[in-house]
Amino acid sequence: MRHFPRVISASALCVALGLAQTSAAQSVPSPRLIEGPSNTAVGQNALASNAAGTANTAVGVDALQSNDGGSANTAVGISALNSNFDGVANTATGASAMYHNVSGIANTAVGDSSLYSNTVGTDNVAIGAAALFSNAGGGNTGLGSLALNNATGDRNTAVGVGAGSGITTGSHNVLLGADVAGSASDANTIRLGLPYNGATGEGQNRTFVAGIFGTQLSAPAQAVFVDANGQLGIMGPQVQTGGGTTTPAANPRDFDALAALVRAQQATIDALQRQVEALRAFAESARPSRRPARR
């Protein structure tokens, strides 16, 4: 004898899935959800506290559980946007993504515990597990697992696994590369790549940047040097001259390097001068002689 599966009603299926229906004609165990139209909730306690929020989507146990008036939020994953109260236009995908967000606006978090501690920060983007985990600021972008995971400042950008993980309260930092952590004191700092470690082979030891060689600059311009840490800069402090321009102040430690540069440039000038003289002599020897014609 063949056994056919038992057919259950749509209402029973909705109860089993924790799916809130917006139709008042059906009996639903979460009646508060119908007070905010156009919401979708799948999972136990998903959107359980919603009162006036609209256009929200919550998929997962406790997703958007505390939402009251926030709208246009998307939470996918257990406890995603769990504490959101009136924040709007947030997208959280991953277990506990944006867990503590209360009023933050227009944030995007993709990954387990990404933007976990954010409460009121806005316009942040975190992609990767625990990316921007401790965030308290706005306008930050962390791409990669643990990217900017300790940062609490504003307008930081980090790309790579662990990139910016050393940043704390600083703002306006840019870090590019896996494990380019930066430091707690960094602010308004750019770090590109990881210093090369010969013992492990990690990091970078060559740099190619297009658009520099052969490109003519307009005045004013300054010579740029690089120190042992890879930091770019000019030599010595700046002083104001009578002409209104800035030049490096005298520094005894720089004299040898500058003198060597002058000698190298002078040698190049001398070599070019010799070439000019040789070309002039060749041109004179090749010129036909002009003798008076015989009568």
C-alpha atoms as a PDB file:
ATOM      1  CA  MET A   1       0.000   0.000   0.000  1.00  0.00           C
ATOM      2  CA  ARG A   2       1.378   3.381  -0.961  1.00  0.00           C
ATOM      3  CA  HIS A   3       1.474   6.050   1.680  1.00  0.00           C
ATOM      4  CA  PHE A   4       0.965   9.651   0.660  1.00  0.00           C
ATOM      5  CA  PRO A   5       2.445  12.494   2.687  1.00  0.00           C
ATOM      6  CA  ARG A   6       0.025  14.373   4.865  1.00  0.00           C
ATOM      7  CA  VAL A   7      -1.065  17.665   3.385  1.00  0.00           C
ATOM      8  CA  ILE A   8      -0.799  20.539   5.867  1.00  0.00           C
ATOM      9  CA  SER A   9      -2.541  23.852   5.597  1.00  0.00           C
ATOM     10  CA  ALA A  10      -0.787  27.039   4.556  1.00  0.00           C
ATOM     11  CA  SER A  11      -1.441  28.523   7.989  1.00  0.00           C
ATOM     12  CA  ALA A  12       0.213  25.567   9.724  1.00  0.00           C
ATOM     13  CA  LEU A  13       3.225  25.859   7.412  1.00  0.00           C
ATOM     14  CA  CYS A  14       3.554  29.551   8.192  1.00  0.00           C
ATOM     15  CA  VAL A  15       3.458  28.843  11.909  1.00  0.00           C
ATOM     16  CA  ALA A  16       6.089  26.143  11.513  1.00  0.00           C
ATOM     17  CA  LEU A  17       8.441  28.483   9.637  1.00  0.00           C
ATOM     18  CA  GLY A  18       7.658  31.537  11.744  1.00  0.00           C
ATOM     19  CA  LEU A  19       6.537  33.362   8.603  1.00  0.00           C
ATOM     20  CA  ALA A  20       4.425  36.439   9.238  1.00  0.00           C
ATOM     21  CA  GLN A  21       1.625  37.035   6.773  1.00  0.00           C
ATOM     22  CA  THR A  22       0.265  40.474   6.040  1.00  0.00           C
ATOM     23  CA  SER A  23      -3.224  39.182   5.386  1.00  0.00           C
ATOM     24  CA  ALA A  24      -5.534  39.762   8.365  1.00  0.00           C
ATOM     25  CA  ALA A  25      -7.695  36.858   7.211  1.00  0.00           C
ATOM     26  CA  GLN A  26      -5.124  34.285   8.381  1.00  0.00           C
ATOM     27  CA  SER A  27      -4.307  33.472  11.997  1.00  0.00           C
ATOM     28  CA  VAL A  28      -0.646  34.288  12.706  1.00  0.00           C
ATOM     29  CA  PRO A  29       1.125  33.976  16.059  1.00  0.00           C
ATOM     30  CA  SER A  30       2.983  37.286  15.561  1.00  0.00           C
ATOM     31  CA  PRO A  31       0.199  39.865  15.087  1.00  0.00           C
ATOM     32  CA  ARG A  32       2.459  42.914  15.593  1.00  0.00           C
ATOM     33  CA  LEU A  33       4.145  42.245  12.281  1.00  0.00           C
ATOM     34  CA  ILE A  34       1.048  43.209  10.322  1.00  0.00           C
ATOM     35  CA  GLU A  35       1.189  46.758  11.743  1.00  0.00           C
ATOM     36  CA  GLY A  36       4.087  47.564   9.428  1.00  0.00           C
ATOM     37  CA  PRO A  37       3.101  46.677   5.865  1.00  0.00           C
ATOM     38  CA  SER A  38       5.326  45.035   3.269  1.00  0.00           C
ATOM     39  CA  ASN A  39       7.543  43.229   5.774  1.00  0.00           C
ATOM     40  CA  THR A  40       8.817  39.681   5.416  1.00  0.00           C
ATOM     41  CA  ALA A  41       9.904  37.640   8.434  1.00  0.00           C
ATOM     42  CA  VAL A  42      11.147  34.057   8.393  1.00  0.00           C
ATOM     43  CA  GLY A  43      12.440  32.525  11.621  1.00  0.00           C
ATOM     44  CA  GLN A  44      11.645  32.512  15.310  1.00  0.00           C
ATOM     45  CA  ASN A  45      11.385  36.055  16.730  1.00  0.00           C
ATOM     46  CA  ALA A  46      12.279  37.601  13.376  1.00  0.00           C
ATOM     47  CA  LEU A  47      10.845  41.134  13.366  1.00  0.00           C
ATOM     48  CA  ALA A  48       9.027  40.220  16.599  1.00  0.00           C
ATOM     49  CA  SER A  49       8.880  43.806  17.923  1.00  0.00           C
ATOM     50  CA  ASN A  50       8.118  45.645  14.708  1.00  0.00           C
ATOM     51  CA  ALA A  51       5.493  48.360  15.121  1.00  0.00           C
ATOM     52  CA  ALA A  52       5.693  50.840  12.273  1.00  0.00           C
ATOM     53  CA  GLY A  53       8.652  49.793  10.158  1.00  0.00           C
ATOM     54  CA  THR A  54       8.004  48.987   6.520  1.00  0.00           C
ATOM     55  CA  ALA A  55       9.758  47.180   3.688  1.00  0.00           C
ATOM     56  CA  ASN A  56      11.939  45.128   6.034  1.00  0.00           C
ATOM     57  CA  THR A  57      13.143  41.597   5.332  1.00  0.00           C
ATOM     58  CA  ALA A  58      14.288  39.383   8.197  1.00  0.00           C
ATOM     59  CA  VAL A  59      15.430  35.816   7.594  1.00  0.00           C
ATOM     60  CA  GLY A  60      16.819  33.901  10.553  1.00  0.00           C
ATOM     61  CA  VAL A  61      16.198  33.385  14.249  1.00  0.00           C
ATOM     62  CA  ASP A  62      16.131  36.760  16.078  1.00  0.00           C
ATOM     63  CA  ALA A  63      16.850  38.683  12.871  1.00  0.00           C
ATOM     64  CA  LEU A  64      15.681  42.288  13.318  1.00  0.00           C
ATOM     65  CA  GLN A  65      14.120  41.148  16.588  1.00  0.00           C
ATOM     66  CA  SER A  66      14.112  44.608  18.243  1.00  0.00           C
ATOM     67  CA  ASN A  67      13.101  46.622  15.199  1.00  0.00           C
ATOM     68  CA  ASP A  68      10.360  49.111  16.040  1.00  0.00           C
ATOM     69  CA  GLY A  69      10.205  51.797  13.378  1.00  0.00           C
ATOM     70  CA  GLY A  70      13.156  51.113  11.130  1.00  0.00           C
ATOM     71  CA  SER A  71      12.399  50.596   7.462  1.00  0.00           C
ATOM     72  CA  ALA A  72      14.028  49.212   4.329  1.00  0.00           C
ATOM     73  CA  ASN A  73      16.366  46.953   6.304  1.00  0.00           C
ATOM     74  CA  THR A  74      17.494  43.507   5.188  1.00  0.00           C
ATOM     75  CA  ALA A  75      18.771  41.010   7.749  1.00  0.00           C
ATOM     76  CA  VAL A  76      19.778  37.486   6.725  1.00  0.00           C
ATOM     77  CA  GLY A  77      21.297  35.242   9.369  1.00  0.00           C
ATOM     78  CA  ILE A  78      20.753  34.371  13.005  1.00  0.00           C
ATOM     79  CA  SER A  79      20.642  37.559  15.125  1.00  0.00           C
ATOM     80  CA  ALA A  80      21.457  39.765  12.140  1.00  0.00           C
ATOM     81  CA  LEU A  81      20.505  43.367  13.012  1.00  0.00           C
ATOM     82  CA  ASN A  82      19.189  41.983  16.281  1.00  0.00           C
ATOM     83  CA  SER A  83      19.220  45.295  18.188  1.00  0.00           C
ATOM     84  CA  ASN A  84      18.100  47.567  15.366  1.00  0.00           C
ATOM     85  CA  PHE A  85      15.388  49.929  16.624  1.00  0.00           C
ATOM     86  CA  ASP A  86      14.889  52.713  14.115  1.00  0.00           C
ATOM     87  CA  GLY A  87      17.850  52.424  11.769  1.00  0.00           C
ATOM     88  CA  VAL A  88      16.976  52.430   8.083  1.00  0.00           C
ATOM     89  CA  ALA A  89      18.399  51.148   4.809  1.00  0.00           C
ATOM     90  CA  ASN A  90      20.821  48.702   6.427  1.00  0.00           C
ATOM     91  CA  THR A  91      21.839  45.381   4.911  1.00  0.00           C
ATOM     92  CA  ALA A  92      23.277  42.697   7.187  1.00  0.00           C
ATOM     93  CA  THR A  93      24.087  39.222   5.896  1.00  0.00           C
ATOM     94  CA  GLY A  94      25.706  36.709   8.218  1.00  0.00           C
ATOM     95  CA  ALA A  95      25.309  35.428  11.749  1.00  0.00           C
ATOM     96  CA  SER A  96      25.267  38.374  14.187  1.00  0.00           C
ATOM     97  CA  ALA A  97      26.066  40.829  11.409  1.00  0.00           C
ATOM     98  CA  MET A  98      25.383  44.350  12.718  1.00  0.00           C
ATOM     99  CA  TYR A  99      24.146  42.755  15.939  1.00  0.00           C
ATOM    100  CA  HIS A 100      24.265  45.938  18.066  1.00  0.00           C
ATOM    101  CA  ASN A 101      23.080  48.439  15.467  1.00  0.00           C
ATOM    102  CA  VAL A 102      20.357  50.675  16.926  1.00  0.00           C
ATOM    103  CA  SER A 103      19.991  53.773  14.742  1.00  0.00           C
ATOM    104  CA  GLY A 104      22.725  53.443  12.142  1.00  0.00           C
ATOM    105  CA  ILE A 105      21.730  54.245   8.578  1.00  0.00           C
ATOM    106  CA  ALA A 106      22.805  52.932   5.169  1.00  0.00           C
ATOM    107  CA  ASN A 107      25.331  50.393   6.419  1.00  0.00           C
ATOM    108  CA  THR A 108      26.267  47.199   4.596  1.00  0.00           C
ATOM    109  CA  ALA A 109      27.677  44.220   6.466  1.00  0.00           C
ATOM    110  CA  VAL A 110      28.435  40.870   4.848  1.00  0.00           C
ATOM    111  CA  GLY A 111      30.067  38.204   6.969  1.00  0.00           C
ATOM    112  CA  ASP A 112      29.854  36.625  10.396  1.00  0.00           C
ATOM    113  CA  SER A 113      29.914  39.392  13.067  1.00  0.00           C
ATOM    114  CA  SER A 114      30.740  42.087  10.548  1.00  0.00           C
ATOM    115  CA  LEU A 115      29.990  45.571  11.923  1.00  0.00           C
ATOM    116  CA  TYR A 116      29.060  43.735  15.122  1.00  0.00           C
ATOM    117  CA  SER A 117      29.456  46.645  17.576  1.00  0.00           C
ATOM    118  CA  ASN A 118      28.154  49.424  15.376  1.00  0.00           C
ATOM    119  CA  THR A 119      25.279  51.274  17.053  1.00  0.00           C
ATOM    120  CA  VAL A 120      24.753  54.626  15.330  1.00  0.00           C
ATOM    121  CA  GLY A 121      27.472  54.743  12.644  1.00  0.00           C
ATOM    122  CA  THR A 122      26.342  55.404   9.093  1.00  0.00           C
ATOM    123  CA  ASP A 123      27.552  54.733   5.559  1.00  0.00           C
ATOM    124  CA  ASN A 124      29.912  51.925   6.556  1.00  0.00           C
ATOM    125  CA  VAL A 125      30.746  48.917   4.378  1.00  0.00           C
ATOM    126  CA  ALA A 126      32.142  45.739   5.930  1.00  0.00           C
ATOM    127  CA  ILE A 127      32.679  42.595   3.872  1.00  0.00           C
ATOM    128  CA  GLY A 128      34.348  39.675   5.606  1.00  0.00           C
ATOM    129  CA  ALA A 129      34.103  37.883   8.927  1.00  0.00           C
ATOM    130  CA  ALA A 130      34.481  40.374  11.809  1.00  0.00           C
ATOM    131  CA  ALA A 131      35.268  43.204   9.395  1.00  0.00           C
ATOM    132  CA  LEU A 132      34.766  46.539  11.201  1.00  0.00           C
ATOM    133  CA  PHE A 133      33.859  44.499  14.293  1.00  0.00           C
ATOM    134  CA  SER A 134      34.377  47.383  16.776  1.00  0.00           C
ATOM    135  CA  ASN A 135      33.186  50.184  14.522  1.00  0.00           C
ATOM    136  CA  ALA A 136      31.744  53.308  16.118  1.00  0.00           C
ATOM    137  CA  GLY A 137      32.339  55.802  13.303  1.00  0.00           C
ATOM    138  CA  GLY A 138      30.990  56.544   9.855  1.00  0.00           C
ATOM    139  CA  GLY A 139      32.131  56.304   6.268  1.00  0.00           C
ATOM    140  CA  ASN A 140      34.488  53.375   6.859  1.00  0.00           C
ATOM    141  CA  THR A 141      35.148  50.596   4.354  1.00  0.00           C
ATOM    142  CA  GLY A 142      36.694  47.289   5.364  1.00  0.00           C
ATOM    143  CA  LEU A 143      37.043  44.529   2.757  1.00  0.00           C
ATOM    144  CA  GLY A 144      38.477  41.271   4.040  1.00  0.00           C
ATOM    145  CA  SER A 145      38.219  39.162   7.161  1.00  0.00           C
ATOM    146  CA  LEU A 146      39.220  41.197  10.249  1.00  0.00           C
ATOM    147  CA  ALA A 147      39.687  44.312   8.126  1.00  0.00           C
ATOM    148  CA  LEU A 148      39.569  47.358  10.443  1.00  0.00           C
ATOM    149  CA  ASN A 149      38.259  45.084  13.186  1.00  0.00           C
ATOM    150  CA  ASN A 150      39.547  47.373  15.979  1.00  0.00           C
ATOM    151  CA  ALA A 151      38.851  50.735  14.342  1.00  0.00           C
ATOM    152  CA  THR A 152      36.459  53.227  15.914  1.00  0.00           C
ATOM    153  CA  GLY A 153      37.286  56.323  13.844  1.00  0.00           C
ATOM    154  CA  ASP A 154      35.838  57.749  10.641  1.00  0.00           C
ATOM    155  CA  ARG A 155      36.568  57.582   6.927  1.00  0.00           C
ATOM    156  CA  ASN A 156      39.063  54.709   7.064  1.00  0.00           C
ATOM    157  CA  THR A 157      39.548  52.369   4.108  1.00  0.00           C
ATOM    158  CA  ALA A 158      41.234  48.966   4.315  1.00  0.00           C
ATOM    159  CA  VAL A 159      41.390  46.224   1.683  1.00  0.00           C
ATOM    160  CA  GLY A 160      42.829  42.786   2.443  1.00  0.00           C
ATOM    161  CA  VAL A 161      42.690  40.104   5.111  1.00  0.00           C
ATOM    162  CA  GLY A 162      43.609  41.775   8.387  1.00  0.00           C
ATOM    163  CA  ALA A 163      44.164  45.118   6.675  1.00  0.00           C
ATOM    164  CA  GLY A 164      43.892  47.979   9.149  1.00  0.00           C
ATOM    165  CA  SER A 165      43.582  45.625  12.115  1.00  0.00           C
ATOM    166  CA  GLY A 166      46.071  47.776  14.035  1.00  0.00           C
ATOM    167  CA  ILE A 167      44.060  50.984  13.596  1.00  0.00           C
ATOM    168  CA  THR A 168      42.131  52.104  16.693  1.00  0.00           C
ATOM    169  CA  THR A 169      40.856  55.673  17.054  1.00  0.00           C
ATOM    170  CA  GLY A 170      42.516  57.190  13.994  1.00  0.00           C
ATOM    171  CA  SER A 171      40.587  58.516  11.009  1.00  0.00           C
ATOM    172  CA  HIS A 172      41.236  59.074   7.300  1.00  0.00           C
ATOM    173  CA  ASN A 173      43.626  56.138   6.935  1.00  0.00           C
ATOM    174  CA  VAL A 174      44.071  54.060   3.773  1.00  0.00           C
ATOM    175  CA  LEU A 175      45.591  50.580   3.976  1.00  0.00           C
ATOM    176  CA  LEU A 176      45.964  48.204   1.043  1.00  0.00           C
ATOM    177  CA  GLY A 177      47.195  44.640   1.205  1.00  0.00           C
ATOM    178  CA  ALA A 178      46.809  41.495   3.258  1.00  0.00           C
ATOM    179  CA  ASP A 179      48.128  41.926   6.824  1.00  0.00           C
ATOM    180  CA  VAL A 180      48.900  45.605   6.310  1.00  0.00           C
ATOM    181  CA  ALA A 181      47.733  46.230   9.862  1.00  0.00           C
ATOM    182  CA  GLY A 182      48.912  49.779  10.512  1.00  0.00           C
ATOM    183  CA  SER A 183      49.396  50.978  14.078  1.00  0.00           C
ATOM    184  CA  ALA A 184      47.291  52.409  16.894  1.00  0.00           C
ATOM    185  CA  SER A 185      48.850  55.837  16.350  1.00  0.00           C
ATOM    186  CA  ASP A 186      47.967  56.013  12.645  1.00  0.00           C
ATOM    187  CA  ALA A 187      45.832  58.921  11.469  1.00  0.00           C
ATOM    188  CA  ASN A 188      45.713  60.475   7.978  1.00  0.00           C
ATOM    189  CA  THR A 189      48.137  57.758   6.896  1.00  0.00           C
ATOM    190  CA  ILE A 190      48.474  55.748   3.687  1.00  0.00           C
ATOM    191  CA  ARG A 191      50.056  52.293   3.812  1.00  0.00           C
ATOM    192  CA  LEU A 192      50.423  50.296   0.600  1.00  0.00           C
ATOM    193  CA  GLY A 193      51.803  46.788   0.847  1.00  0.00           C
ATOM    194  CA  LEU A 194      53.650  44.852   3.529  1.00  0.00           C
ATOM    195  CA  PRO A 195      57.401  45.391   4.107  1.00  0.00           C
ATOM    196  CA  TYR A 196      59.322  42.433   2.740  1.00  0.00           C
ATOM    197  CA  ASN A 197      60.542  39.771   5.163  1.00  0.00           C
ATOM    198  CA  GLY A 198      63.447  37.893   3.606  1.00  0.00           C
ATOM    199  CA  ALA A 199      63.234  35.073   6.146  1.00  0.00           C
ATOM    200  CA  THR A 200      59.616  34.208   5.401  1.00  0.00           C
ATOM    201  CA  GLY A 201      59.239  35.588   1.887  1.00  0.00           C
ATOM    202  CA  GLU A 202      56.180  37.565   2.962  1.00  0.00           C
ATOM    203  CA  GLY A 203      55.512  41.094   1.809  1.00  0.00           C
ATOM    204  CA  GLN A 204      56.628  43.048  -1.236  1.00  0.00           C
ATOM    205  CA  ASN A 205      60.112  44.080  -2.379  1.00  0.00           C
ATOM    206  CA  ARG A 206      59.357  45.681  -5.734  1.00  0.00           C
ATOM    207  CA  THR A 207      57.067  48.566  -6.682  1.00  0.00           C
ATOM    208  CA  PHE A 208      55.737  49.540 -10.093  1.00  0.00           C
ATOM    209  CA  VAL A 209      53.650  52.690 -10.420  1.00  0.00           C
ATOM    210  CA  ALA A 210      52.441  53.895 -13.799  1.00  0.00           C
ATOM    211  CA  GLY A 211      52.121  57.526 -14.800  1.00  0.00           C
ATOM    212  CA  ILE A 212      55.375  58.732 -13.198  1.00  0.00           C
ATOM    213  CA  PHE A 213      58.304  58.014 -15.522  1.00  0.00           C
ATOM    214  CA  GLY A 214      58.485  60.592 -18.273  1.00  0.00           C
ATOM    215  CA  THR A 215      55.713  62.752 -16.838  1.00  0.00           C
ATOM    216  CA  GLN A 216      56.653  66.438 -16.687  1.00  0.00           C
ATOM    217  CA  LEU A 217      55.634  68.304 -13.549  1.00  0.00           C
ATOM    218  CA  SER A 218      54.804  71.965 -13.212  1.00  0.00           C
ATOM    219  CA  ALA A 219      56.431  74.174 -10.607  1.00  0.00           C
ATOM    220  CA  PRO A 220      56.514  74.237  -7.680  1.00  0.00           C
ATOM    221  CA  ALA A 221      57.868  70.721  -7.092  1.00  0.00           C
ATOM    222  CA  GLN A 222      60.107  69.035  -4.565  1.00  0.00           C
ATOM    223  CA  ALA A 223      62.461  66.103  -4.504  1.00  0.00           C
ATOM    224  CA  VAL A 224      61.077  63.103  -2.623  1.00  0.00           C
ATOM    225  CA  PHE A 225      63.119  60.593  -0.655  1.00  0.00           C
ATOM    226  CA  VAL A 226      62.321  57.246   0.973  1.00  0.00           C
ATOM    227  CA  ASP A 227      63.571  56.106   4.378  1.00  0.00           C
ATOM    228  CA  ALA A 228      64.346  52.620   5.674  1.00  0.00           C
ATOM    229  CA  ASN A 229      60.721  52.162   6.761  1.00  0.00           C
ATOM    230  CA  GLY A 230      59.410  52.844   3.280  1.00  0.00           C
ATOM    231  CA  GLN A 231      58.008  56.262   4.206  1.00  0.00           C
ATOM    232  CA  LEU A 232      58.108  58.896   1.490  1.00  0.00           C
ATOM    233  CA  GLY A 233      58.920  62.507   2.264  1.00  0.00           C
ATOM    234  CA  ILE A 234      61.276  65.441   1.758  1.00  0.00           C
ATOM    235  CA  MET A 235      64.604  66.041   3.448  1.00  0.00           C
ATOM    236  CA  GLY A 236      64.577  68.390   6.425  1.00  0.00           C
ATOM    237  CA  PRO A 237      61.947  70.825   7.712  1.00  0.00           C
ATOM    238  CA  GLN A 238      60.398  73.490   5.501  1.00  0.00           C
ATOM    239  CA  VAL A 239      61.356  77.178   5.684  1.00  0.00           C
ATOM    240  CA  GLN A 240      59.838  80.212   4.015  1.00  0.00           C
ATOM    241  CA  THR A 241      61.983  82.087   1.499  1.00  0.00           C
ATOM    242  CA  GLY A 242      61.758  85.676   0.348  1.00  0.00           C
ATOM    243  CA  GLY A 243      60.199  84.614  -2.920  1.00  0.00           C
ATOM    244  CA  GLY A 244      57.252  83.055  -1.165  1.00  0.00           C
ATOM    245  CA  THR A 245      58.202  79.440  -1.918  1.00  0.00           C
ATOM    246  CA  THR A 246      59.274  76.714   0.463  1.00  0.00           C
ATOM    247  CA  THR A 247      62.578  74.870   0.327  1.00  0.00           C
ATOM    248  CA  PRO A 248      64.173  72.278   2.595  1.00  0.00           C
ATOM    249  CA  ALA A 249      66.051  73.820   5.503  1.00  0.00           C
ATOM    250  CA  ALA A 250      69.748  73.102   5.815  1.00  0.00           C
ATOM    251  CA  ASN A 251      70.499  69.835   7.510  1.00  0.00           C
ATOM    252  CA  PRO A 252      74.126  68.724   7.948  1.00  0.00           C
ATOM    253  CA  ARG A 253      73.158  65.090   7.646  1.00  0.00           C
ATOM    254  CA  ASP A 254      71.839  65.749   4.128  1.00  0.00           C
ATOM    255  CA  PHE A 255      74.949  67.469   2.737  1.00  0.00           C
ATOM    256  CA  ASP A 256      76.731  64.280   1.631  1.00  0.00           C
ATOM    257  CA  ALA A 257      73.688  62.962  -0.207  1.00  0.00           C
ATOM    258  CA  LEU A 258      73.044  66.310  -1.882  1.00  0.00           C
ATOM    259  CA  ALA A 259      76.700  66.705  -2.813  1.00  0.00           C
ATOM    260  CA  ALA A 260      76.726  63.251  -4.405  1.00  0.00           C
ATOM    261  CA  LEU A 261      73.608  64.162  -6.360  1.00  0.00           C
ATOM    262  CA  VAL A 262      75.240  67.370  -7.620  1.00  0.00           C
ATOM    263  CA  ARG A 263      78.387  65.471  -8.673  1.00  0.00           C
ATOM    264  CA  ALA A 264      76.318  62.925 -10.576  1.00  0.00           C
ATOM    265  CA  GLN A 265      74.386  65.651 -12.361  1.00  0.00           C
ATOM    266  CA  GLN A 266      77.603  67.517 -13.211  1.00  0.00           C
ATOM    267  CA  ALA A 267      79.107  64.335 -14.640  1.00  0.00           C
ATOM    268  CA  THR A 268      76.063  63.930 -16.856  1.00  0.00           C
ATOM    269  CA  ILE A 269      76.340  67.551 -18.027  1.00  0.00           C
ATOM    270  CA  ASP A 270      80.055  67.101 -18.822  1.00  0.00           C
ATOM    271  CA  ALA A 271      79.347  63.944 -20.844  1.00  0.00           C
ATOM    272  CA  LEU A 272      76.648  65.711 -22.844  1.00  0.00           C
ATOM    273  CA  GLN A 273      78.967  68.663 -23.453  1.00  0.00           C
ATOM    274  CA  ARG A 274      81.632  66.339 -24.847  1.00  0.00           C
ATOM    275  CA  GLN A 275      79.094  64.768 -27.175  1.00  0.00           C
ATOM    276  CA  VAL A 276      78.069  68.218 -28.434  1.00  0.00           C
ATOM    277  CA  GLU A 277      81.700  69.167 -29.092  1.00  0.00           C
ATOM    278  CA  ALA A 278      82.341  65.894 -30.941  1.00  0.00           C
ATOM    279  CA  LEU A 279      79.297  66.429 -33.148  1.00  0.00           C
ATOM    280  CA  ARG A 280      80.355  69.996 -33.872  1.00  0.00           C
ATOM    281  CA  ALA A 281      83.845  68.854 -34.884  1.00  0.00           C
ATOM    282  CA  PHE A 282      82.418  66.168 -37.150  1.00  0.00           C
ATOM    283  CA  ALA A 283      80.119  68.666 -38.815  1.00  0.00           C
ATOM    284  CA  GLU A 284      83.039  71.041 -39.475  1.00  0.00           C
ATOM    285  CA  SER A 285      85.182  68.273 -41.004  1.00  0.00           C
ATOM    286  CA  ALA A 286      82.364  67.137 -43.295  1.00  0.00           C
ATOM    287  CA  ARG A 287      81.638  70.634 -44.610  1.00  0.00           C
ATOM    288  CA  PRO A 288      82.958  71.099 -48.237  1.00  0.00           C
ATOM    289  CA  SER A 289      85.824  73.608 -48.599  1.00  0.00           C
ATOM    290  CA  ARG A 290      85.127  76.793 -50.507  1.00  0.00           C
ATOM    291  CA  ARG A 291      88.149  77.629 -52.685  1.00  0.00           C
ATOM    292  CA  PRO A 292      88.120  80.564 -55.150  1.00  0.00           C
ATOM    293  CA  ALA A 293      87.482  79.417 -58.712  1.00  0.00           C
ATOM    294  CA  ARG A 294      90.440  79.657 -61.181  1.00  0.00           C
ATOM    295  CA  ARG A 295      90.145  82.120 -64.016  1.00  0.00           C
END
